[in-house]
Amino acid sequence: MNFSPDLQQAIEQIASDQGMSSEEFIVKTLIEKINSLKQATSHSSLPQTGLEEKDGILVFNTESLDHVDFNGLIAQSREESDWEQLKL
């Protein structure tokens, strides 16, 4: 493979630090990346929850919210707000 001089130097340095050849380091790195991608693909069918960044926006992934009556929640919130204002 033809790597840029900077990349080749980085590969050689890291490989040397880990006591392996450049070729061994490249193969090991590729295997780790392939395994990581396989795991990500196998988990993609499961519902994901948690925070992640997409296009500069912080997104909270949840399971489906189809069962939530958002109009009802908004109406309830408005009623509670009205009652709080009447108490003042």
PDB file of N, CA and C in Angstrom:
ATOM      1  N   MET A   1       0.836  -1.181   0.000  1.00  0.00           N
ATOM      2  CA  MET A   1       0.000   0.000   0.000  1.00  0.00           C
ATOM      3  C   MET A   1       0.876   1.238   0.000  1.00  0.00           C
ATOM      4  N   ASN A   2       0.376   2.253  -0.635  1.00  0.00           N
ATOM      5  CA  ASN A   2       1.100   3.515  -0.669  1.00  0.00           C
ATOM      6  C   ASN A   2       0.444   4.502   0.281  1.00  0.00           C
ATOM      7  N   PHE A   3       1.107   4.765   1.411  1.00  0.00           N
ATOM      8  CA  PHE A   3       0.621   5.718   2.386  1.00  0.00           C
ATOM      9  C   PHE A   3       1.403   7.015   2.251  1.00  0.00           C
ATOM     10  N   SER A   4       0.792   8.092   2.703  1.00  0.00           N
ATOM     11  CA  SER A   4       1.527   9.348   2.732  1.00  0.00           C
ATOM     12  C   SER A   4       2.697   9.186   3.699  1.00  0.00           C
ATOM     13  N   PRO A   5       3.760   9.961   3.520  1.00  0.00           N
ATOM     14  CA  PRO A   5       4.910   9.836   4.425  1.00  0.00           C
ATOM     15  C   PRO A   5       4.540  10.036   5.894  1.00  0.00           C
ATOM     16  N   ASP A   6       3.634  10.984   6.173  1.00  0.00           N
ATOM     17  CA  ASP A   6       3.236  11.227   7.562  1.00  0.00           C
ATOM     18  C   ASP A   6       2.503  10.027   8.152  1.00  0.00           C
ATOM     19  N   LEU A   7       1.581   9.440   7.370  1.00  0.00           N
ATOM     20  CA  LEU A   7       0.838   8.281   7.839  1.00  0.00           C
ATOM     21  C   LEU A   7       1.776   7.091   8.021  1.00  0.00           C
ATOM     22  N   GLN A   8       2.677   6.883   7.077  1.00  0.00           N
ATOM     23  CA  GLN A   8       3.637   5.775   7.174  1.00  0.00           C
ATOM     24  C   GLN A   8       4.494   5.924   8.423  1.00  0.00           C
ATOM     25  N   GLN A   9       4.923   7.142   8.705  1.00  0.00           N
ATOM     26  CA  GLN A   9       5.748   7.389   9.889  1.00  0.00           C
ATOM     27  C   GLN A   9       4.948   7.107  11.162  1.00  0.00           C
ATOM     28  N   ALA A  10       3.683   7.532  11.205  1.00  0.00           N
ATOM     29  CA  ALA A  10       2.842   7.283  12.374  1.00  0.00           C
ATOM     30  C   ALA A  10       2.636   5.787  12.573  1.00  0.00           C
ATOM     31  N   ILE A  11       2.372   5.074  11.500  1.00  0.00           N
ATOM     32  CA  ILE A  11       2.181   3.619  11.578  1.00  0.00           C
ATOM     33  C   ILE A  11       3.438   2.954  12.124  1.00  0.00           C
ATOM     34  N   GLU A  12       4.566   3.327  11.590  1.00  0.00           N
ATOM     35  CA  GLU A  12       5.829   2.725  12.023  1.00  0.00           C
ATOM     36  C   GLU A  12       6.109   3.020  13.491  1.00  0.00           C
ATOM     37  N   GLN A  13       5.826   4.237  13.925  1.00  0.00           N
ATOM     38  CA  GLN A  13       6.084   4.630  15.314  1.00  0.00           C
ATOM     39  C   GLN A  13       5.179   3.859  16.275  1.00  0.00           C
ATOM     40  N   ILE A  14       3.902   3.802  15.976  1.00  0.00           N
ATOM     41  CA  ILE A  14       2.965   3.094  16.850  1.00  0.00           C
ATOM     42  C   ILE A  14       3.274   1.604  16.868  1.00  0.00           C
ATOM     43  N   ALA A  15       3.540   1.038  15.703  1.00  0.00           N
ATOM     44  CA  ALA A  15       3.881  -0.386  15.624  1.00  0.00           C
ATOM     45  C   ALA A  15       5.125  -0.683  16.443  1.00  0.00           C
ATOM     46  N   SER A  16       6.118   0.162  16.313  1.00  0.00           N
ATOM     47  CA  SER A  16       7.360  -0.027  17.068  1.00  0.00           C
ATOM     48  C   SER A  16       7.103   0.056  18.568  1.00  0.00           C
ATOM     49  N   ASP A  17       6.282   1.036  18.980  1.00  0.00           N
ATOM     50  CA  ASP A  17       5.949   1.190  20.398  1.00  0.00           C
ATOM     51  C   ASP A  17       5.241  -0.042  20.951  1.00  0.00           C
ATOM     52  N   GLN A  18       4.474  -0.723  20.092  1.00  0.00           N
ATOM     53  CA  GLN A  18       3.742  -1.909  20.515  1.00  0.00           C
ATOM     54  C   GLN A  18       4.507  -3.203  20.257  1.00  0.00           C
ATOM     55  N   GLY A  19       5.730  -3.082  19.746  1.00  0.00           N
ATOM     56  CA  GLY A  19       6.583  -4.251  19.544  1.00  0.00           C
ATOM     57  C   GLY A  19       6.140  -5.140  18.400  1.00  0.00           C
ATOM     58  N   MET A  20       5.656  -4.532  17.339  1.00  0.00           N
ATOM     59  CA  MET A  20       5.226  -5.320  16.186  1.00  0.00           C
ATOM     60  C   MET A  20       5.664  -4.628  14.908  1.00  0.00           C
ATOM     61  N   SER A  21       5.548  -5.345  13.815  1.00  0.00           N
ATOM     62  CA  SER A  21       5.907  -4.768  12.526  1.00  0.00           C
ATOM     63  C   SER A  21       4.764  -3.864  12.053  1.00  0.00           C
ATOM     64  N   SER A  22       5.057  -3.031  11.081  1.00  0.00           N
ATOM     65  CA  SER A  22       4.038  -2.159  10.493  1.00  0.00           C
ATOM     66  C   SER A  22       2.909  -2.980   9.903  1.00  0.00           C
ATOM     67  N   GLU A  23       3.269  -4.075   9.240  1.00  0.00           N
ATOM     68  CA  GLU A  23       2.255  -4.935   8.629  1.00  0.00           C
ATOM     69  C   GLU A  23       1.337  -5.557   9.676  1.00  0.00           C
ATOM     70  N   GLU A  24       1.932  -6.043  10.782  1.00  0.00           N
ATOM     71  CA  GLU A  24       1.127  -6.615  11.858  1.00  0.00           C
ATOM     72  C   GLU A  24       0.179  -5.572  12.445  1.00  0.00           C
ATOM     73  N   PHE A  25       0.679  -4.356  12.627  1.00  0.00           N
ATOM     74  CA  PHE A  25      -0.150  -3.284  13.170  1.00  0.00           C
ATOM     75  C   PHE A  25      -1.321  -2.970  12.243  1.00  0.00           C
ATOM     76  N   ILE A  26      -1.057  -2.894  10.951  1.00  0.00           N
ATOM     77  CA  ILE A  26      -2.125  -2.583   9.978  1.00  0.00           C
ATOM     78  C   ILE A  26      -3.184  -3.677   9.995  1.00  0.00           C
ATOM     79  N   VAL A  27      -2.760  -4.940   9.980  1.00  0.00           N
ATOM     80  CA  VAL A  27      -3.712  -6.058   9.991  1.00  0.00           C
ATOM     81  C   VAL A  27      -4.521  -6.048  11.287  1.00  0.00           C
ATOM     82  N   LYS A  28      -3.856  -5.855  12.419  1.00  0.00           N
ATOM     83  CA  LYS A  28      -4.544  -5.820  13.705  1.00  0.00           C
ATOM     84  C   LYS A  28      -5.567  -4.684  13.735  1.00  0.00           C
ATOM     85  N   THR A  29      -5.188  -3.531  13.259  1.00  0.00           N
ATOM     86  CA  THR A  29      -6.077  -2.373  13.236  1.00  0.00           C
ATOM     87  C   THR A  29      -7.282  -2.620  12.341  1.00  0.00           C
ATOM     88  N   LEU A  30      -7.061  -3.208  11.179  1.00  0.00           N
ATOM     89  CA  LEU A  30      -8.166  -3.522  10.274  1.00  0.00           C
ATOM     90  C   LEU A  30      -9.119  -4.545  10.886  1.00  0.00           C
ATOM     91  N   ILE A  31      -8.592  -5.564  11.539  1.00  0.00           N
ATOM     92  CA  ILE A  31      -9.431  -6.568  12.187  1.00  0.00           C
ATOM     93  C   ILE A  31     -10.288  -5.927  13.271  1.00  0.00           C
ATOM     94  N   GLU A  32      -9.682  -5.064  14.086  1.00  0.00           N
ATOM     95  CA  GLU A  32     -10.432  -4.381  15.142  1.00  0.00           C
ATOM     96  C   GLU A  32     -11.548  -3.516  14.554  1.00  0.00           C
ATOM     97  N   LYS A  33     -11.260  -2.811  13.479  1.00  0.00           N
ATOM     98  CA  LYS A  33     -12.264  -1.947  12.850  1.00  0.00           C
ATOM     99  C   LYS A  33     -13.394  -2.781  12.245  1.00  0.00           C
ATOM    100  N   ILE A  34     -13.057  -3.860  11.574  1.00  0.00           N
ATOM    101  CA  ILE A  34     -14.074  -4.730  10.971  1.00  0.00           C
ATOM    102  C   ILE A  34     -14.968  -5.324  12.054  1.00  0.00           C
ATOM    103  N   ASN A  35     -14.391  -5.790  13.146  1.00  0.00           N
ATOM    104  CA  ASN A  35     -15.182  -6.340  14.244  1.00  0.00           C
ATOM    105  C   ASN A  35     -16.092  -5.274  14.853  1.00  0.00           C
ATOM    106  N   SER A  36     -15.575  -4.072  14.989  1.00  0.00           N
ATOM    107  CA  SER A  36     -16.379  -2.970  15.520  1.00  0.00           C
ATOM    108  C   SER A  36     -17.570  -2.669  14.612  1.00  0.00           C
ATOM    109  N   LEU A  37     -17.344  -2.652  13.310  1.00  0.00           N
ATOM    110  CA  LEU A  37     -18.425  -2.394  12.360  1.00  0.00           C
ATOM    111  C   LEU A  37     -19.450  -3.525  12.366  1.00  0.00           C
ATOM    112  N   LYS A  38     -18.976  -4.766  12.498  1.00  0.00           N
ATOM    113  CA  LYS A  38     -19.895  -5.900  12.566  1.00  0.00           C
ATOM    114  C   LYS A  38     -20.785  -5.799  13.796  1.00  0.00           C
ATOM    115  N   GLN A  39     -20.207  -5.429  14.938  1.00  0.00           N
ATOM    116  CA  GLN A  39     -20.987  -5.282  16.163  1.00  0.00           C
ATOM    117  C   GLN A  39     -21.998  -4.156  16.023  1.00  0.00           C
ATOM    118  N   ALA A  40     -21.599  -3.052  15.429  1.00  0.00           N
ATOM    119  CA  ALA A  40     -22.508  -1.920  15.241  1.00  0.00           C
ATOM    120  C   ALA A  40     -23.659  -2.323  14.337  1.00  0.00           C
ATOM    121  N   THR A  41     -23.379  -3.103  13.315  1.00  0.00           N
ATOM    122  CA  THR A  41     -24.418  -3.551  12.387  1.00  0.00           C
ATOM    123  C   THR A  41     -25.369  -4.524  13.067  1.00  0.00           C
ATOM    124  N   SER A  42     -24.843  -5.413  13.887  1.00  0.00           N
ATOM    125  CA  SER A  42     -25.708  -6.394  14.550  1.00  0.00           C
ATOM    126  C   SER A  42     -26.584  -5.745  15.601  1.00  0.00           C
ATOM    127  N   HIS A  43     -26.167  -4.611  16.164  1.00  0.00           N
ATOM    128  CA  HIS A  43     -26.958  -3.911  17.167  1.00  0.00           C
ATOM    129  C   HIS A  43     -27.883  -2.879  16.549  1.00  0.00           C
ATOM    130  N   SER A  44     -27.772  -2.634  15.260  1.00  0.00           N
ATOM    131  CA  SER A  44     -28.567  -1.569  14.644  1.00  0.00           C
ATOM    132  C   SER A  44     -30.046  -1.899  14.612  1.00  0.00           C
ATOM    133  N   SER A  45     -30.410  -3.172  14.697  1.00  0.00           N
ATOM    134  CA  SER A  45     -31.828  -3.532  14.680  1.00  0.00           C
ATOM    135  C   SER A  45     -32.469  -3.356  16.054  1.00  0.00           C
ATOM    136  N   LEU A  46     -31.662  -3.192  17.093  1.00  0.00           N
ATOM    137  CA  LEU A  46     -32.197  -2.992  18.429  1.00  0.00           C
ATOM    138  C   LEU A  46     -32.521  -1.522  18.640  1.00  0.00           C
ATOM    139  N   PRO A  47     -33.549  -1.210  19.436  1.00  0.00           N
ATOM    140  CA  PRO A  47     -33.829   0.199  19.711  1.00  0.00           C
ATOM    141  C   PRO A  47     -32.666   0.812  20.480  1.00  0.00           C
ATOM    142  N   GLN A  48     -32.256   1.972  20.048  1.00  0.00           N
ATOM    143  CA  GLN A  48     -31.143   2.643  20.699  1.00  0.00           C
ATOM    144  C   GLN A  48     -31.677   3.745  21.597  1.00  0.00           C
ATOM    145  N   THR A  49     -31.119   3.829  22.782  1.00  0.00           N
ATOM    146  CA  THR A  49     -31.458   4.923  23.667  1.00  0.00           C
ATOM    147  C   THR A  49     -30.179   5.604  24.081  1.00  0.00           C
ATOM    148  N   GLY A  50     -30.264   6.884  24.313  1.00  0.00           N
ATOM    149  CA  GLY A  50     -29.103   7.623  24.758  1.00  0.00           C
ATOM    150  C   GLY A  50     -28.858   8.845  23.910  1.00  0.00           C
ATOM    151  N   LEU A  51     -27.885   9.595  24.335  1.00  0.00           N
ATOM    152  CA  LEU A  51     -27.538  10.823  23.643  1.00  0.00           C
ATOM    153  C   LEU A  51     -26.512  10.564  22.561  1.00  0.00           C
ATOM    154  N   GLU A  52     -26.659  11.265  21.463  1.00  0.00           N
ATOM    155  CA  GLU A  52     -25.643  11.242  20.424  1.00  0.00           C
ATOM    156  C   GLU A  52     -25.719  12.549  19.655  1.00  0.00           C
ATOM    157  N   GLU A  53     -24.690  12.841  18.931  1.00  0.00           N
ATOM    158  CA  GLU A  53     -24.630  14.073  18.149  1.00  0.00           C
ATOM    159  C   GLU A  53     -24.839  13.742  16.690  1.00  0.00           C
ATOM    160  N   LYS A  54     -25.794  14.430  16.056  1.00  0.00           N
ATOM    161  CA  LYS A  54     -26.058  14.250  14.632  1.00  0.00           C
ATOM    162  C   LYS A  54     -26.040  15.617  13.980  1.00  0.00           C
ATOM    163  N   ASP A  55     -25.120  15.823  13.076  1.00  0.00           N
ATOM    164  CA  ASP A  55     -25.037  17.078  12.340  1.00  0.00           C
ATOM    165  C   ASP A  55     -25.013  18.284  13.261  1.00  0.00           C
ATOM    166  N   GLY A  56     -24.282  18.194  14.357  1.00  0.00           N
ATOM    167  CA  GLY A  56     -24.137  19.324  15.265  1.00  0.00           C
ATOM    168  C   GLY A  56     -25.304  19.522  16.215  1.00  0.00           C
ATOM    169  N   ILE A  57     -26.258  18.580  16.235  1.00  0.00           N
ATOM    170  CA  ILE A  57     -27.424  18.689  17.110  1.00  0.00           C
ATOM    171  C   ILE A  57     -27.391  17.527  18.089  1.00  0.00           C
ATOM    172  N   LEU A  58     -27.612  17.809  19.374  1.00  0.00           N
ATOM    173  CA  LEU A  58     -27.646  16.766  20.380  1.00  0.00           C
ATOM    174  C   LEU A  58     -29.011  16.090  20.325  1.00  0.00           C
ATOM    175  N   VAL A  59     -29.010  14.770  20.103  1.00  0.00           N
ATOM    176  CA  VAL A  59     -30.240  14.006  19.915  1.00  0.00           C
ATOM    177  C   VAL A  59     -30.327  12.952  21.008  1.00  0.00           C
ATOM    178  N   PHE A  60     -31.536  12.797  21.584  1.00  0.00           N
ATOM    179  CA  PHE A  60     -31.777  11.743  22.563  1.00  0.00           C
ATOM    180  C   PHE A  60     -32.628  10.676  21.900  1.00  0.00           C
ATOM    181  N   ASN A  61     -32.047   9.519  21.671  1.00  0.00           N
ATOM    182  CA  ASN A  61     -32.754   8.409  21.033  1.00  0.00           C
ATOM    183  C   ASN A  61     -33.571   7.668  22.078  1.00  0.00           C
ATOM    184  N   THR A  62     -34.816   7.344  21.731  1.00  0.00           N
ATOM    185  CA  THR A  62     -35.692   6.588  22.617  1.00  0.00           C
ATOM    186  C   THR A  62     -36.368   5.486  21.817  1.00  0.00           C
ATOM    187  N   GLU A  63     -37.101   4.661  22.521  1.00  0.00           N
ATOM    188  CA  GLU A  63     -37.959   3.714  21.836  1.00  0.00           C
ATOM    189  C   GLU A  63     -39.108   4.509  21.220  1.00  0.00           C
ATOM    190  N   SER A  64     -39.926   3.851  20.430  1.00  0.00           N
ATOM    191  CA  SER A  64     -41.034   4.519  19.761  1.00  0.00           C
ATOM    192  C   SER A  64     -41.936   5.232  20.759  1.00  0.00           C
ATOM    193  N   LEU A  65     -42.354   6.447  20.408  1.00  0.00           N
ATOM    194  CA  LEU A  65     -43.256   7.228  21.245  1.00  0.00           C
ATOM    195  C   LEU A  65     -44.656   7.294  20.637  1.00  0.00           C
ATOM    196  N   ASP A  66     -44.975   6.350  19.748  1.00  0.00           N
ATOM    197  CA  ASP A  66     -46.270   6.344  19.083  1.00  0.00           C
ATOM    198  C   ASP A  66     -47.434   6.224  20.065  1.00  0.00           C
ATOM    199  N   HIS A  67     -47.202   5.607  21.201  1.00  0.00           N
ATOM    200  CA  HIS A  67     -48.269   5.380  22.172  1.00  0.00           C
ATOM    201  C   HIS A  67     -48.550   6.605  23.045  1.00  0.00           C
ATOM    202  N   VAL A  68     -47.756   7.656  22.940  1.00  0.00           N
ATOM    203  CA  VAL A  68     -47.911   8.841  23.780  1.00  0.00           C
ATOM    204  C   VAL A  68     -48.898   9.806  23.132  1.00  0.00           C
ATOM    205  N   ASP A  69     -49.876  10.277  23.916  1.00  0.00           N
ATOM    206  CA  ASP A  69     -50.858  11.247  23.447  1.00  0.00           C
ATOM    207  C   ASP A  69     -50.325  12.651  23.759  1.00  0.00           C
ATOM    208  N   PHE A  70     -49.568  13.210  22.828  1.00  0.00           N
ATOM    209  CA  PHE A  70     -48.955  14.508  23.055  1.00  0.00           C
ATOM    210  C   PHE A  70     -50.004  15.615  23.169  1.00  0.00           C
ATOM    211  N   ASN A  71     -51.075  15.532  22.410  1.00  0.00           N
ATOM    212  CA  ASN A  71     -52.138  16.533  22.512  1.00  0.00           C
ATOM    213  C   ASN A  71     -52.755  16.516  23.903  1.00  0.00           C
ATOM    214  N   GLY A  72     -52.954  15.334  24.453  1.00  0.00           N
ATOM    215  CA  GLY A  72     -53.484  15.207  25.810  1.00  0.00           C
ATOM    216  C   GLY A  72     -52.535  15.786  26.840  1.00  0.00           C
ATOM    217  N   LEU A  73     -51.259  15.522  26.683  1.00  0.00           N
ATOM    218  CA  LEU A  73     -50.267  16.073  27.607  1.00  0.00           C
ATOM    219  C   LEU A  73     -50.242  17.599  27.560  1.00  0.00           C
ATOM    220  N   ILE A  74     -50.328  18.149  26.358  1.00  0.00           N
ATOM    221  CA  ILE A  74     -50.331  19.608  26.214  1.00  0.00           C
ATOM    222  C   ILE A  74     -51.589  20.197  26.854  1.00  0.00           C
ATOM    223  N   ALA A  75     -52.735  19.575  26.614  1.00  0.00           N
ATOM    224  CA  ALA A  75     -53.996  20.058  27.196  1.00  0.00           C
ATOM    225  C   ALA A  75     -53.932  20.005  28.717  1.00  0.00           C
ATOM    226  N   GLN A  76     -53.402  18.915  29.253  1.00  0.00           N
ATOM    227  CA  GLN A  76     -53.274  18.770  30.707  1.00  0.00           C
ATOM    228  C   GLN A  76     -52.356  19.845  31.272  1.00  0.00           C
ATOM    229  N   SER A  77     -51.257  20.096  30.594  1.00  0.00           N
ATOM    230  CA  SER A  77     -50.318  21.116  31.041  1.00  0.00           C
ATOM    231  C   SER A  77     -50.963  22.494  31.039  1.00  0.00           C
ATOM    232  N   ARG A  78     -51.767  22.778  30.025  1.00  0.00           N
ATOM    233  CA  ARG A  78     -52.463  24.064  29.956  1.00  0.00           C
ATOM    234  C   ARG A  78     -53.480  24.208  31.088  1.00  0.00           C
ATOM    235  N   GLU A  79     -54.202  23.121  31.378  1.00  0.00           N
ATOM    236  CA  GLU A  79     -55.174  23.159  32.471  1.00  0.00           C
ATOM    237  C   GLU A  79     -54.481  23.435  33.799  1.00  0.00           C
ATOM    238  N   GLU A  80     -53.362  22.758  34.031  1.00  0.00           N
ATOM    239  CA  GLU A  80     -52.615  22.959  35.273  1.00  0.00           C
ATOM    240  C   GLU A  80     -52.110  24.387  35.357  1.00  0.00           C
ATOM    241  N   SER A  81     -51.649  24.916  34.251  1.00  0.00           N
ATOM    242  CA  SER A  81     -51.172  26.301  34.224  1.00  0.00           C
ATOM    243  C   SER A  81     -52.313  27.272  34.515  1.00  0.00           C
ATOM    244  N   ASP A  82     -53.492  27.003  33.936  1.00  0.00           N
ATOM    245  CA  ASP A  82     -54.660  27.849  34.186  1.00  0.00           C
ATOM    246  C   ASP A  82     -55.021  27.839  35.665  1.00  0.00           C
ATOM    247  N   TRP A  83     -55.025  26.657  36.298  1.00  0.00           N
ATOM    248  CA  TRP A  83     -55.355  26.548  37.709  1.00  0.00           C
ATOM    249  C   TRP A  83     -54.334  27.291  38.565  1.00  0.00           C
ATOM    250  N   GLU A  84     -53.051  27.206  38.193  1.00  0.00           N
ATOM    251  CA  GLU A  84     -52.013  27.910  38.949  1.00  0.00           C
ATOM    252  C   GLU A  84     -52.206  29.423  38.836  1.00  0.00           C
ATOM    253  N   GLN A  85     -52.595  29.910  37.680  1.00  0.00           N
ATOM    254  CA  GLN A  85     -52.812  31.351  37.504  1.00  0.00           C
ATOM    255  C   GLN A  85     -54.025  31.821  38.299  1.00  0.00           C
ATOM    256  N   LEU A  86     -55.049  30.971  38.400  1.00  0.00           N
ATOM    257  CA  LEU A  86     -56.230  31.340  39.163  1.00  0.00           C
ATOM    258  C   LEU A  86     -55.945  31.442  40.658  1.00  0.00           C
ATOM    259  N   LYS A  87     -54.999  30.682  41.140  1.00  0.00           N
ATOM    260  CA  LYS A  87     -54.636  30.699  42.571  1.00  0.00           C
ATOM    261  C   LYS A  87     -53.913  31.977  42.933  1.00  0.00           C
ATOM    262  N   LEU A  88     -53.339  32.668  41.979  1.00  0.00           N
ATOM    263  CA  LEU A  88     -52.581  33.886  42.279  1.00  0.00           C
ATOM    264  C   LEU A  88     -53.441  34.988  42.663  1.00  0.00           C
TER     265      LEU A  88
END
